[in-house]
Amino acid sequence: MTFPLAVVKICAQVIAKANRPFILGYRLSPEERETPGIRMADTLALVKALNQTPIDYLHISLADAWGSSIVDADDKQPVFEKIKEVLAPGLPLMVVGHLASPAQVEKLIGENVDFAALGRELIREPRWVQKVEAGEEDSIRYTFALSDVDELKVTKPLLNFLLTVFKCGFPLITDEQQIRH
Protein backbone atom coordinates (compact mmCIF):
# COMPACT_ATOMS: atom_id res chain seq x y z
CA MET A 1 0.00 0.00 0.00
CA THR A 2 3.01 2.28 0.20
CA PHE A 3 2.80 3.46 -3.40
CA PRO A 4 -0.93 4.28 -3.66
CA LEU A 5 -0.94 6.04 -0.30
CA ALA A 6 2.13 8.05 -1.28
CA VAL A 7 0.42 9.10 -4.51
CA VAL A 8 -2.67 10.25 -2.59
CA LYS A 9 -0.47 12.18 -0.15
CA ILE A 10 1.43 13.99 -2.91
CA CYS A 11 -1.77 14.77 -4.82
CA ALA A 12 -3.33 16.22 -1.67
CA GLN A 13 -0.24 18.39 -1.13
CA VAL A 14 -0.43 19.73 -4.69
CA ILE A 15 -4.16 20.40 -4.36
CA ALA A 16 -3.57 22.28 -1.10
CA LYS A 17 -1.28 24.69 -2.98
CA ALA A 18 -3.66 25.20 -5.92
CA ASN A 19 -5.40 28.52 -6.49
CA ARG A 20 -8.75 26.85 -7.07
CA PRO A 21 -10.58 23.95 -5.44
CA PHE A 22 -10.05 20.43 -6.72
CA ILE A 23 -11.51 17.17 -5.57
CA LEU A 24 -9.36 14.12 -5.07
CA GLY A 25 -10.74 10.71 -5.85
CA TYR A 26 -9.22 7.27 -5.86
CA ARG A 27 -10.20 4.65 -8.44
CA LEU A 28 -9.39 1.00 -8.01
CA SER A 29 -10.12 -2.39 -9.48
CA PRO A 30 -10.83 -4.59 -6.46
CA GLU A 31 -9.48 -7.93 -7.70
CA GLU A 32 -7.22 -9.52 -10.27
CA ARG A 33 -7.60 -13.03 -11.65
CA GLU A 34 -3.83 -13.45 -11.98
CA THR A 35 -1.67 -15.13 -9.38
CA PRO A 36 -0.17 -13.33 -7.65
CA GLY A 37 -2.75 -10.58 -7.89
CA ILE A 38 -4.90 -8.23 -5.90
CA ARG A 39 -7.40 -10.02 -3.71
CA MET A 40 -10.45 -8.70 -1.89
CA ALA A 41 -8.62 -8.71 1.44
CA ASP A 42 -5.96 -6.44 -0.10
CA THR A 43 -8.61 -4.08 -1.41
CA LEU A 44 -10.50 -3.91 1.88
CA ALA A 45 -7.25 -3.13 3.71
CA LEU A 46 -6.48 -0.39 1.17
CA VAL A 47 -9.97 1.10 1.52
CA LYS A 48 -9.53 1.22 5.30
CA ALA A 49 -6.22 3.04 4.79
CA LEU A 50 -7.76 5.39 2.22
CA ASN A 51 -10.42 6.29 4.81
CA GLN A 52 -7.61 8.02 6.71
CA THR A 53 -6.57 10.16 3.71
CA PRO A 54 -8.12 13.36 2.37
CA ILE A 55 -9.78 11.72 -0.66
CA ASP A 56 -13.20 13.09 -1.57
CA TYR A 57 -14.60 9.89 -3.08
CA LEU A 58 -13.75 6.27 -3.87
CA HIS A 59 -14.44 4.90 -7.35
CA ILE A 60 -14.50 1.17 -7.91
CA SER A 61 -14.20 -0.24 -11.40
CA LEU A 62 -16.04 -3.48 -12.01
CA ALA A 63 -16.89 -5.44 -15.14
CA ASP A 64 -20.41 -5.66 -13.68
CA ALA A 65 -21.57 -3.24 -10.98
CA TRP A 66 -23.52 -6.08 -9.33
CA GLY A 67 -20.69 -8.58 -9.71
CA SER A 68 -19.28 -10.66 -6.91
CA SER A 69 -15.73 -11.90 -6.53
CA ILE A 70 -13.96 -12.83 -9.77
CA VAL A 71 -11.59 -15.02 -7.75
CA ASP A 72 -13.85 -16.79 -5.23
CA ALA A 73 -16.79 -18.42 -7.04
CA ASP A 74 -18.44 -19.29 -3.70
CA ASP A 75 -18.62 -15.64 -2.64
CA LYS A 76 -21.89 -14.25 -4.02
CA GLN A 77 -21.95 -10.88 -2.23
CA PRO A 78 -21.62 -7.93 -4.64
CA VAL A 79 -18.18 -6.36 -4.40
CA PHE A 80 -19.56 -2.85 -3.90
CA GLU A 81 -21.40 -4.07 -0.78
CA LYS A 82 -18.16 -5.47 0.69
CA ILE A 83 -16.44 -2.14 0.08
CA LYS A 84 -19.32 -0.14 1.56
CA GLU A 85 -18.97 -2.19 4.76
CA VAL A 86 -15.46 -0.78 5.37
CA LEU A 87 -15.82 2.61 3.69
CA ALA A 88 -15.75 5.59 6.03
CA PRO A 89 -19.20 7.03 6.75
CA GLY A 90 -19.82 10.01 4.51
CA LEU A 91 -17.13 9.10 1.96
CA PRO A 92 -18.97 8.92 -1.37
CA LEU A 93 -18.76 5.71 -3.40
CA MET A 94 -18.82 5.68 -7.19
CA VAL A 95 -19.32 2.41 -9.08
CA VAL A 96 -18.85 1.62 -12.76
CA GLY A 97 -19.65 -1.66 -14.43
CA HIS A 98 -22.00 -2.36 -17.31
CA LEU A 99 -24.78 -0.01 -16.27
CA ALA A 100 -26.44 0.10 -19.66
CA SER A 101 -29.97 1.23 -18.81
CA PRO A 102 -31.36 4.01 -16.65
CA ALA A 103 -33.17 1.35 -14.59
CA GLN A 104 -29.85 -0.31 -13.76
CA VAL A 105 -28.41 3.03 -12.63
CA GLU A 106 -31.47 3.75 -10.49
CA LYS A 107 -31.26 0.30 -8.89
CA LEU A 108 -27.61 0.86 -7.97
CA ILE A 109 -28.28 4.32 -6.56
CA GLY A 110 -31.15 2.73 -4.61
CA GLU A 111 -28.54 0.62 -2.82
CA ASN A 112 -27.01 3.80 -1.36
CA VAL A 113 -24.23 4.06 -3.90
CA ASP A 114 -23.60 7.78 -4.31
CA PHE A 115 -22.57 7.86 -7.97
CA ALA A 116 -22.99 5.54 -10.93
CA ALA A 117 -20.37 5.97 -13.62
CA LEU A 118 -20.79 5.11 -17.28
CA GLY A 119 -17.95 3.91 -19.47
CA ARG A 120 -18.65 1.58 -22.38
CA GLU A 121 -22.20 2.89 -22.45
CA LEU A 122 -20.98 6.36 -23.41
CA ILE A 123 -18.78 4.94 -26.15
CA ARG A 124 -21.72 3.35 -27.95
CA GLU A 125 -24.20 6.10 -26.93
CA PRO A 126 -22.44 9.45 -26.33
CA ARG A 127 -25.79 11.18 -25.70
CA TRP A 128 -26.93 8.65 -23.06
CA VAL A 129 -27.38 11.24 -20.30
CA GLN A 130 -29.09 13.78 -22.55
CA LYS A 131 -31.50 11.13 -23.87
CA VAL A 132 -32.40 10.04 -20.34
CA GLU A 133 -32.91 13.64 -19.22
CA ALA A 134 -35.14 14.30 -22.25
CA GLY A 135 -37.23 11.17 -21.62
CA GLU A 136 -35.92 9.58 -24.83
CA GLU A 137 -34.76 6.31 -23.30
CA ASP A 138 -36.22 4.37 -26.24
CA SER A 139 -33.64 5.97 -28.52
CA ILE A 140 -30.60 4.86 -26.49
CA ARG A 141 -28.21 2.73 -28.54
CA TYR A 142 -27.63 -0.48 -26.56
CA THR A 143 -25.71 -2.31 -29.26
CA PHE A 144 -22.79 -1.44 -31.46
CA ALA A 145 -22.31 -2.13 -35.16
CA LEU A 146 -19.07 -1.87 -37.08
CA SER A 147 -20.79 0.72 -39.26
CA ASP A 148 -20.97 2.96 -36.14
CA VAL A 149 -17.18 3.20 -35.78
CA ASP A 150 -16.72 6.42 -37.76
CA GLU A 151 -19.76 8.18 -36.31
CA LEU A 152 -18.67 7.35 -32.76
CA LYS A 153 -14.99 8.07 -33.49
CA VAL A 154 -13.90 4.68 -32.17
CA THR A 155 -10.26 4.10 -33.05
CA LYS A 156 -8.96 0.73 -34.18
CA PRO A 157 -7.05 0.06 -30.93
CA LEU A 158 -10.12 0.94 -28.87
CA LEU A 159 -12.34 -1.22 -31.08
CA ASN A 160 -9.98 -4.16 -30.69
CA PHE A 161 -9.96 -3.69 -26.91
CA LEU A 162 -13.76 -3.50 -26.73
CA LEU A 163 -14.26 -6.57 -28.90
CA THR A 164 -11.77 -8.68 -26.97
CA VAL A 165 -11.47 -7.61 -23.33
CA PHE A 166 -15.01 -6.22 -22.99
CA LYS A 167 -16.68 -8.46 -25.54
CA CYS A 168 -19.41 -9.57 -23.12
CA GLY A 169 -20.30 -6.03 -22.08
CA PHE A 170 -20.07 -4.49 -25.52
CA PRO A 171 -22.58 -6.29 -27.75
CA LEU A 172 -21.72 -6.14 -31.43
CA ILE A 173 -24.39 -6.58 -34.04
CA THR A 174 -23.78 -7.06 -37.70
CA ASP A 175 -24.71 -4.37 -40.15
CA GLU A 176 -27.41 -6.71 -41.48
CA GLN A 177 -28.95 -7.02 -38.00
CA GLN A 178 -28.82 -3.24 -37.61
CA ILE A 179 -30.71 -2.73 -40.87
CA ARG A 180 -33.48 -5.06 -39.66
CA HIS A 181 -33.90 -2.99 -36.48
C-alpha atoms as a PDB file:
ATOM      1  CA  MET A   1       0.000   0.000   0.000  1.00  0.00           C
ATOM      2  CA  THR A   2       3.007   2.276   0.198  1.00  0.00           C
ATOM      3  CA  PHE A   3       2.801   3.462  -3.404  1.00  0.00           C
ATOM      4  CA  PRO A   4      -0.930   4.275  -3.656  1.00  0.00           C
ATOM      5  CA  LEU A   5      -0.941   6.038  -0.296  1.00  0.00           C
ATOM      6  CA  ALA A   6       2.134   8.047  -1.282  1.00  0.00           C
ATOM      7  CA  VAL A   7       0.417   9.102  -4.515  1.00  0.00           C
ATOM      8  CA  VAL A   8      -2.667  10.252  -2.588  1.00  0.00           C
ATOM      9  CA  LYS A   9      -0.471  12.179  -0.147  1.00  0.00           C
ATOM     10  CA  ILE A  10       1.433  13.992  -2.913  1.00  0.00           C
ATOM     11  CA  CYS A  11      -1.767  14.773  -4.824  1.00  0.00           C
ATOM     12  CA  ALA A  12      -3.326  16.217  -1.673  1.00  0.00           C
ATOM     13  CA  GLN A  13      -0.243  18.388  -1.129  1.00  0.00           C
ATOM     14  CA  VAL A  14      -0.427  19.726  -4.690  1.00  0.00           C
ATOM     15  CA  ILE A  15      -4.162  20.400  -4.361  1.00  0.00           C
ATOM     16  CA  ALA A  16      -3.568  22.278  -1.101  1.00  0.00           C
ATOM     17  CA  LYS A  17      -1.276  24.691  -2.983  1.00  0.00           C
ATOM     18  CA  ALA A  18      -3.656  25.198  -5.925  1.00  0.00           C
ATOM     19  CA  ASN A  19      -5.395  28.516  -6.490  1.00  0.00           C
ATOM     20  CA  ARG A  20      -8.751  26.853  -7.071  1.00  0.00           C
ATOM     21  CA  PRO A  21     -10.582  23.951  -5.443  1.00  0.00           C
ATOM     22  CA  PHE A  22     -10.053  20.430  -6.723  1.00  0.00           C
ATOM     23  CA  ILE A  23     -11.512  17.174  -5.572  1.00  0.00           C
ATOM     24  CA  LEU A  24      -9.364  14.121  -5.068  1.00  0.00           C
ATOM     25  CA  GLY A  25     -10.742  10.710  -5.855  1.00  0.00           C
ATOM     26  CA  TYR A  26      -9.223   7.269  -5.858  1.00  0.00           C
ATOM     27  CA  ARG A  27     -10.196   4.652  -8.436  1.00  0.00           C
ATOM     28  CA  LEU A  28      -9.392   1.001  -8.013  1.00  0.00           C
ATOM     29  CA  SER A  29     -10.117  -2.387  -9.483  1.00  0.00           C
ATOM     30  CA  PRO A  30     -10.825  -4.591  -6.464  1.00  0.00           C
ATOM     31  CA  GLU A  31      -9.476  -7.931  -7.699  1.00  0.00           C
ATOM     32  CA  GLU A  32      -7.225  -9.517 -10.270  1.00  0.00           C
ATOM     33  CA  ARG A  33      -7.597 -13.028 -11.651  1.00  0.00           C
ATOM     34  CA  GLU A  34      -3.829 -13.452 -11.982  1.00  0.00           C
ATOM     35  CA  THR A  35      -1.669 -15.127  -9.379  1.00  0.00           C
ATOM     36  CA  PRO A  36      -0.172 -13.329  -7.650  1.00  0.00           C
ATOM     37  CA  GLY A  37      -2.749 -10.585  -7.895  1.00  0.00           C
ATOM     38  CA  ILE A  38      -4.897  -8.225  -5.901  1.00  0.00           C
ATOM     39  CA  ARG A  39      -7.398 -10.021  -3.710  1.00  0.00           C
ATOM     40  CA  MET A  40     -10.446  -8.695  -1.891  1.00  0.00           C
ATOM     41  CA  ALA A  41      -8.620  -8.706   1.440  1.00  0.00           C
ATOM     42  CA  ASP A  42      -5.958  -6.439  -0.101  1.00  0.00           C
ATOM     43  CA  THR A  43      -8.615  -4.079  -1.408  1.00  0.00           C
ATOM     44  CA  LEU A  44     -10.503  -3.909   1.878  1.00  0.00           C
ATOM     45  CA  ALA A  45      -7.254  -3.126   3.711  1.00  0.00           C
ATOM     46  CA  LEU A  46      -6.481  -0.388   1.171  1.00  0.00           C
ATOM     47  CA  VAL A  47      -9.967   1.103   1.519  1.00  0.00           C
ATOM     48  CA  LYS A  48      -9.535   1.221   5.301  1.00  0.00           C
ATOM     49  CA  ALA A  49      -6.216   3.040   4.791  1.00  0.00           C
ATOM     50  CA  LEU A  50      -7.764   5.394   2.224  1.00  0.00           C
ATOM     51  CA  ASN A  51     -10.420   6.286   4.807  1.00  0.00           C
ATOM     52  CA  GLN A  52      -7.613   8.021   6.715  1.00  0.00           C
ATOM     53  CA  THR A  53      -6.574  10.159   3.712  1.00  0.00           C
ATOM     54  CA  PRO A  54      -8.119  13.365   2.365  1.00  0.00           C
ATOM     55  CA  ILE A  55      -9.782  11.715  -0.659  1.00  0.00           C
ATOM     56  CA  ASP A  56     -13.199  13.091  -1.566  1.00  0.00           C
ATOM     57  CA  TYR A  57     -14.598   9.887  -3.080  1.00  0.00           C
ATOM     58  CA  LEU A  58     -13.754   6.269  -3.869  1.00  0.00           C
ATOM     59  CA  HIS A  59     -14.438   4.902  -7.354  1.00  0.00           C
ATOM     60  CA  ILE A  60     -14.501   1.166  -7.910  1.00  0.00           C
ATOM     61  CA  SER A  61     -14.203  -0.240 -11.403  1.00  0.00           C
ATOM     62  CA  LEU A  62     -16.037  -3.479 -12.013  1.00  0.00           C
ATOM     63  CA  ALA A  63     -16.891  -5.441 -15.138  1.00  0.00           C
ATOM     64  CA  ASP A  64     -20.412  -5.655 -13.682  1.00  0.00           C
ATOM     65  CA  ALA A  65     -21.567  -3.245 -10.976  1.00  0.00           C
ATOM     66  CA  TRP A  66     -23.516  -6.081  -9.327  1.00  0.00           C
ATOM     67  CA  GLY A  67     -20.690  -8.580  -9.712  1.00  0.00           C
ATOM     68  CA  SER A  68     -19.281 -10.658  -6.910  1.00  0.00           C
ATOM     69  CA  SER A  69     -15.730 -11.900  -6.527  1.00  0.00           C
ATOM     70  CA  ILE A  70     -13.962 -12.833  -9.767  1.00  0.00           C
ATOM     71  CA  VAL A  71     -11.595 -15.017  -7.750  1.00  0.00           C
ATOM     72  CA  ASP A  72     -13.845 -16.793  -5.228  1.00  0.00           C
ATOM     73  CA  ALA A  73     -16.793 -18.423  -7.040  1.00  0.00           C
ATOM     74  CA  ASP A  74     -18.436 -19.294  -3.701  1.00  0.00           C
ATOM     75  CA  ASP A  75     -18.615 -15.643  -2.644  1.00  0.00           C
ATOM     76  CA  LYS A  76     -21.885 -14.245  -4.022  1.00  0.00           C
ATOM     77  CA  GLN A  77     -21.948 -10.876  -2.231  1.00  0.00           C
ATOM     78  CA  PRO A  78     -21.616  -7.931  -4.638  1.00  0.00           C
ATOM     79  CA  VAL A  79     -18.176  -6.358  -4.396  1.00  0.00           C
ATOM     80  CA  PHE A  80     -19.561  -2.853  -3.897  1.00  0.00           C
ATOM     81  CA  GLU A  81     -21.400  -4.075  -0.779  1.00  0.00           C
ATOM     82  CA  LYS A  82     -18.159  -5.467   0.691  1.00  0.00           C
ATOM     83  CA  ILE A  83     -16.436  -2.141   0.085  1.00  0.00           C
ATOM     84  CA  LYS A  84     -19.316  -0.141   1.562  1.00  0.00           C
ATOM     85  CA  GLU A  85     -18.966  -2.193   4.761  1.00  0.00           C
ATOM     86  CA  VAL A  86     -15.460  -0.784   5.367  1.00  0.00           C
ATOM     87  CA  LEU A  87     -15.819   2.614   3.689  1.00  0.00           C
ATOM     88  CA  ALA A  88     -15.748   5.593   6.030  1.00  0.00           C
ATOM     89  CA  PRO A  89     -19.199   7.029   6.752  1.00  0.00           C
ATOM     90  CA  GLY A  90     -19.821  10.014   4.507  1.00  0.00           C
ATOM     91  CA  LEU A  91     -17.134   9.101   1.964  1.00  0.00           C
ATOM     92  CA  PRO A  92     -18.971   8.916  -1.372  1.00  0.00           C
ATOM     93  CA  LEU A  93     -18.764   5.713  -3.397  1.00  0.00           C
ATOM     94  CA  MET A  94     -18.819   5.676  -7.192  1.00  0.00           C
ATOM     95  CA  VAL A  95     -19.318   2.409  -9.083  1.00  0.00           C
ATOM     96  CA  VAL A  96     -18.855   1.620 -12.765  1.00  0.00           C
ATOM     97  CA  GLY A  97     -19.645  -1.661 -14.431  1.00  0.00           C
ATOM     98  CA  HIS A  98     -22.003  -2.359 -17.310  1.00  0.00           C
ATOM     99  CA  LEU A  99     -24.785  -0.010 -16.266  1.00  0.00           C
ATOM    100  CA  ALA A 100     -26.443   0.099 -19.663  1.00  0.00           C
ATOM    101  CA  SER A 101     -29.968   1.227 -18.806  1.00  0.00           C
ATOM    102  CA  PRO A 102     -31.357   4.013 -16.645  1.00  0.00           C
ATOM    103  CA  ALA A 103     -33.173   1.351 -14.589  1.00  0.00           C
ATOM    104  CA  GLN A 104     -29.846  -0.310 -13.759  1.00  0.00           C
ATOM    105  CA  VAL A 105     -28.411   3.032 -12.635  1.00  0.00           C
ATOM    106  CA  GLU A 106     -31.472   3.754 -10.490  1.00  0.00           C
ATOM    107  CA  LYS A 107     -31.263   0.302  -8.889  1.00  0.00           C
ATOM    108  CA  LEU A 108     -27.606   0.858  -7.971  1.00  0.00           C
ATOM    109  CA  ILE A 109     -28.284   4.323  -6.557  1.00  0.00           C
ATOM    110  CA  GLY A 110     -31.151   2.728  -4.611  1.00  0.00           C
ATOM    111  CA  GLU A 111     -28.540   0.618  -2.825  1.00  0.00           C
ATOM    112  CA  ASN A 112     -27.007   3.795  -1.355  1.00  0.00           C
ATOM    113  CA  VAL A 113     -24.233   4.065  -3.904  1.00  0.00           C
ATOM    114  CA  ASP A 114     -23.602   7.779  -4.308  1.00  0.00           C
ATOM    115  CA  PHE A 115     -22.573   7.863  -7.968  1.00  0.00           C
ATOM    116  CA  ALA A 116     -22.994   5.544 -10.926  1.00  0.00           C
ATOM    117  CA  ALA A 117     -20.370   5.969 -13.622  1.00  0.00           C
ATOM    118  CA  LEU A 118     -20.792   5.107 -17.279  1.00  0.00           C
ATOM    119  CA  GLY A 119     -17.946   3.911 -19.472  1.00  0.00           C
ATOM    120  CA  ARG A 120     -18.650   1.576 -22.377  1.00  0.00           C
ATOM    121  CA  GLU A 121     -22.202   2.891 -22.446  1.00  0.00           C
ATOM    122  CA  LEU A 122     -20.977   6.362 -23.410  1.00  0.00           C
ATOM    123  CA  ILE A 123     -18.784   4.941 -26.149  1.00  0.00           C
ATOM    124  CA  ARG A 124     -21.724   3.355 -27.951  1.00  0.00           C
ATOM    125  CA  GLU A 125     -24.200   6.096 -26.926  1.00  0.00           C
ATOM    126  CA  PRO A 126     -22.445   9.445 -26.334  1.00  0.00           C
ATOM    127  CA  ARG A 127     -25.789  11.176 -25.703  1.00  0.00           C
ATOM    128  CA  TRP A 128     -26.931   8.652 -23.061  1.00  0.00           C
ATOM    129  CA  VAL A 129     -27.379  11.242 -20.302  1.00  0.00           C
ATOM    130  CA  GLN A 130     -29.093  13.777 -22.548  1.00  0.00           C
ATOM    131  CA  LYS A 131     -31.501  11.130 -23.867  1.00  0.00           C
ATOM    132  CA  VAL A 132     -32.398  10.040 -20.339  1.00  0.00           C
ATOM    133  CA  GLU A 133     -32.913  13.637 -19.219  1.00  0.00           C
ATOM    134  CA  ALA A 134     -35.140  14.299 -22.254  1.00  0.00           C
ATOM    135  CA  GLY A 135     -37.226  11.171 -21.619  1.00  0.00           C
ATOM    136  CA  GLU A 136     -35.921   9.582 -24.827  1.00  0.00           C
ATOM    137  CA  GLU A 137     -34.761   6.314 -23.302  1.00  0.00           C
ATOM    138  CA  ASP A 138     -36.216   4.371 -26.237  1.00  0.00           C
ATOM    139  CA  SER A 139     -33.640   5.966 -28.524  1.00  0.00           C
ATOM    140  CA  ILE A 140     -30.601   4.863 -26.488  1.00  0.00           C
ATOM    141  CA  ARG A 141     -28.213   2.734 -28.536  1.00  0.00           C
ATOM    142  CA  TYR A 142     -27.627  -0.485 -26.564  1.00  0.00           C
ATOM    143  CA  THR A 143     -25.707  -2.312 -29.261  1.00  0.00           C
ATOM    144  CA  PHE A 144     -22.791  -1.442 -31.462  1.00  0.00           C
ATOM    145  CA  ALA A 145     -22.313  -2.131 -35.157  1.00  0.00           C
ATOM    146  CA  LEU A 146     -19.069  -1.867 -37.076  1.00  0.00           C
ATOM    147  CA  SER A 147     -20.794   0.718 -39.264  1.00  0.00           C
ATOM    148  CA  ASP A 148     -20.968   2.961 -36.142  1.00  0.00           C
ATOM    149  CA  VAL A 149     -17.178   3.197 -35.783  1.00  0.00           C
ATOM    150  CA  ASP A 150     -16.716   6.422 -37.764  1.00  0.00           C
ATOM    151  CA  GLU A 151     -19.760   8.182 -36.313  1.00  0.00           C
ATOM    152  CA  LEU A 152     -18.668   7.351 -32.758  1.00  0.00           C
ATOM    153  CA  LYS A 153     -14.990   8.075 -33.486  1.00  0.00           C
ATOM    154  CA  VAL A 154     -13.897   4.677 -32.169  1.00  0.00           C
ATOM    155  CA  THR A 155     -10.258   4.104 -33.051  1.00  0.00           C
ATOM    156  CA  LYS A 156      -8.964   0.726 -34.180  1.00  0.00           C
ATOM    157  CA  PRO A 157      -7.050   0.062 -30.933  1.00  0.00           C
ATOM    158  CA  LEU A 158     -10.124   0.941 -28.868  1.00  0.00           C
ATOM    159  CA  LEU A 159     -12.343  -1.218 -31.076  1.00  0.00           C
ATOM    160  CA  ASN A 160      -9.975  -4.161 -30.688  1.00  0.00           C
ATOM    161  CA  PHE A 161      -9.965  -3.688 -26.913  1.00  0.00           C
ATOM    162  CA  LEU A 162     -13.759  -3.496 -26.733  1.00  0.00           C
ATOM    163  CA  LEU A 163     -14.258  -6.567 -28.898  1.00  0.00           C
ATOM    164  CA  THR A 164     -11.769  -8.681 -26.969  1.00  0.00           C
ATOM    165  CA  VAL A 165     -11.468  -7.611 -23.327  1.00  0.00           C
ATOM    166  CA  PHE A 166     -15.010  -6.222 -22.987  1.00  0.00           C
ATOM    167  CA  LYS A 167     -16.682  -8.460 -25.537  1.00  0.00           C
ATOM    168  CA  CYS A 168     -19.415  -9.571 -23.117  1.00  0.00           C
ATOM    169  CA  GLY A 169     -20.304  -6.026 -22.075  1.00  0.00           C
ATOM    170  CA  PHE A 170     -20.070  -4.494 -25.524  1.00  0.00           C
ATOM    171  CA  PRO A 171     -22.583  -6.288 -27.754  1.00  0.00           C
ATOM    172  CA  LEU A 172     -21.720  -6.138 -31.425  1.00  0.00           C
ATOM    173  CA  ILE A 173     -24.394  -6.580 -34.037  1.00  0.00           C
ATOM    174  CA  THR A 174     -23.785  -7.061 -37.699  1.00  0.00           C
ATOM    175  CA  ASP A 175     -24.708  -4.369 -40.152  1.00  0.00           C
ATOM    176  CA  GLU A 176     -27.406  -6.712 -41.479  1.00  0.00           C
ATOM    177  CA  GLN A 177     -28.949  -7.023 -37.996  1.00  0.00           C
ATOM    178  CA  GLN A 178     -28.818  -3.240 -37.607  1.00  0.00           C
ATOM    179  CA  ILE A 179     -30.712  -2.730 -40.875  1.00  0.00           C
ATOM    180  CA  ARG A 180     -33.482  -5.060 -39.665  1.00  0.00           C
ATOM    181  CA  HIS A 181     -33.901  -2.990 -36.483  1.00  0.00           C
END
